[in-house]
Amino acid sequence: MADKTQGSAQGPGAGKAYWQVNLRIILISLVIWALCSFGFGIVLRPMLSGIAVGGTDLGFWFAQQGSILVFLALIFFYAWRMNNLDREFGVDEE
């Protein structure tokens, strides 16, 4: 069988570098999601109560809708960023 050649990131440390970048993206995404869902929706809710969004305060909005929207945005960001990373390391599906 013919091996699929990797792009510009060949070498013994390429796999380790790929996973380090991948884990950094995951960690940043989880921190953003935790801040929006747990931080803004629960911990910082009393401080956000004076800001009105959609007929309710901002903390309640984050707890009910905002964290879900941020999660969906993070899914699309992660897919886009991982496609770029896969192309960079030559492990894309094409």
Protein backbone atom coordinates (compact mmCIF):
# COMPACT_ATOMS: atom_id res chain seq x y z
CA MET A 1 0.00 0.00 0.00
CA ALA A 2 1.12 3.49 -0.70
CA ASP A 3 1.61 5.68 2.33
CA LYS A 4 -0.06 9.05 2.40
CA THR A 5 2.71 11.60 2.51
CA GLN A 6 2.43 14.35 5.01
CA GLY A 7 2.69 18.00 4.10
CA SER A 8 5.06 20.54 5.53
CA ALA A 9 5.07 19.20 9.07
CA GLN A 10 6.97 15.95 8.67
CA GLY A 11 9.35 14.66 11.25
CA PRO A 12 9.49 12.80 14.52
CA GLY A 13 7.92 15.62 16.56
CA ALA A 14 5.12 16.42 14.13
CA GLY A 15 2.56 14.19 15.86
CA LYS A 16 3.39 15.63 19.26
CA ALA A 17 3.19 19.21 17.95
CA TYR A 18 -0.16 18.46 16.30
CA TRP A 19 -1.65 17.17 19.55
CA GLN A 20 -0.23 20.04 21.58
CA VAL A 21 -1.97 22.55 19.31
CA ASN A 22 -5.15 20.44 19.34
CA LEU A 23 -5.21 20.26 23.14
CA ARG A 24 -4.56 24.02 23.39
CA ILE A 25 -7.57 24.70 21.14
CA ILE A 26 -9.73 22.36 23.23
CA LEU A 27 -8.58 23.94 26.50
CA ILE A 28 -9.25 27.49 25.29
CA SER A 29 -12.70 26.46 24.02
CA LEU A 30 -13.59 24.80 27.33
CA VAL A 31 -12.45 27.84 29.32
CA ILE A 32 -14.59 30.13 27.16
CA TRP A 33 -17.60 27.85 27.50
CA ALA A 34 -17.15 27.50 31.29
CA LEU A 35 -16.82 31.26 31.66
CA CYS A 36 -20.00 31.88 29.66
CA SER A 37 -22.14 29.12 31.16
CA PHE A 38 -20.93 28.81 34.75
CA GLY A 39 -19.30 32.20 35.21
CA PHE A 40 -21.80 34.56 33.60
CA GLY A 41 -24.87 32.39 34.25
CA ILE A 42 -24.25 31.55 37.92
CA VAL A 43 -21.27 33.18 39.60
CA LEU A 44 -21.42 36.65 38.03
CA ARG A 45 -25.22 36.78 37.68
CA PRO A 46 -25.77 39.30 40.50
CA MET A 47 -23.31 41.72 38.88
CA LEU A 48 -25.00 41.32 35.47
CA SER A 49 -28.53 41.83 36.78
CA GLY A 50 -28.60 45.52 35.83
CA ILE A 51 -28.01 44.87 32.12
CA ALA A 52 -31.24 44.10 30.26
CA VAL A 53 -31.25 41.72 27.28
CA GLY A 54 -34.48 40.52 25.70
CA GLY A 55 -36.66 41.59 28.61
CA THR A 56 -34.53 39.92 31.28
CA ASP A 57 -31.15 40.46 32.89
CA LEU A 58 -27.92 39.43 31.17
CA GLY A 59 -27.01 36.74 33.73
CA PHE A 60 -30.33 34.96 33.25
CA TRP A 61 -29.98 35.26 29.48
CA PHE A 62 -26.54 33.61 29.61
CA ALA A 63 -27.91 30.82 31.80
CA GLN A 64 -30.85 30.14 29.47
CA GLN A 65 -29.68 30.97 25.95
CA GLY A 66 -26.28 32.62 25.84
CA SER A 67 -24.23 29.61 26.91
CA ILE A 68 -25.94 27.45 24.27
CA LEU A 69 -25.21 30.00 21.54
CA VAL A 70 -21.60 30.31 22.67
CA PHE A 71 -21.32 26.50 22.65
CA LEU A 72 -22.62 26.35 19.07
CA ALA A 73 -20.20 29.08 17.99
CA LEU A 74 -17.36 27.14 19.63
CA ILE A 75 -18.32 23.99 17.72
CA PHE A 76 -18.05 25.83 14.40
CA PHE A 77 -14.82 27.53 15.47
CA TYR A 78 -13.29 24.19 16.52
CA ALA A 79 -14.25 22.51 13.23
CA TRP A 80 -12.84 25.42 11.20
CA ARG A 81 -9.61 25.58 13.23
CA MET A 82 -9.08 21.81 13.13
CA ASN A 83 -9.56 21.74 9.36
CA ASN A 84 -6.83 24.38 9.06
CA LEU A 85 -4.60 22.47 11.48
CA ASP A 86 -5.14 19.20 9.59
CA ARG A 87 -4.13 20.90 6.34
CA GLU A 88 -1.08 22.42 8.02
CA PHE A 89 0.12 19.03 9.27
CA GLY A 90 -0.90 17.13 6.15
CA VAL A 91 -3.50 14.91 7.79
CA ASP A 92 -6.58 16.36 6.11
CA GLU A 93 -9.21 14.09 4.58
CA GLU A 94 -8.75 15.18 0.98
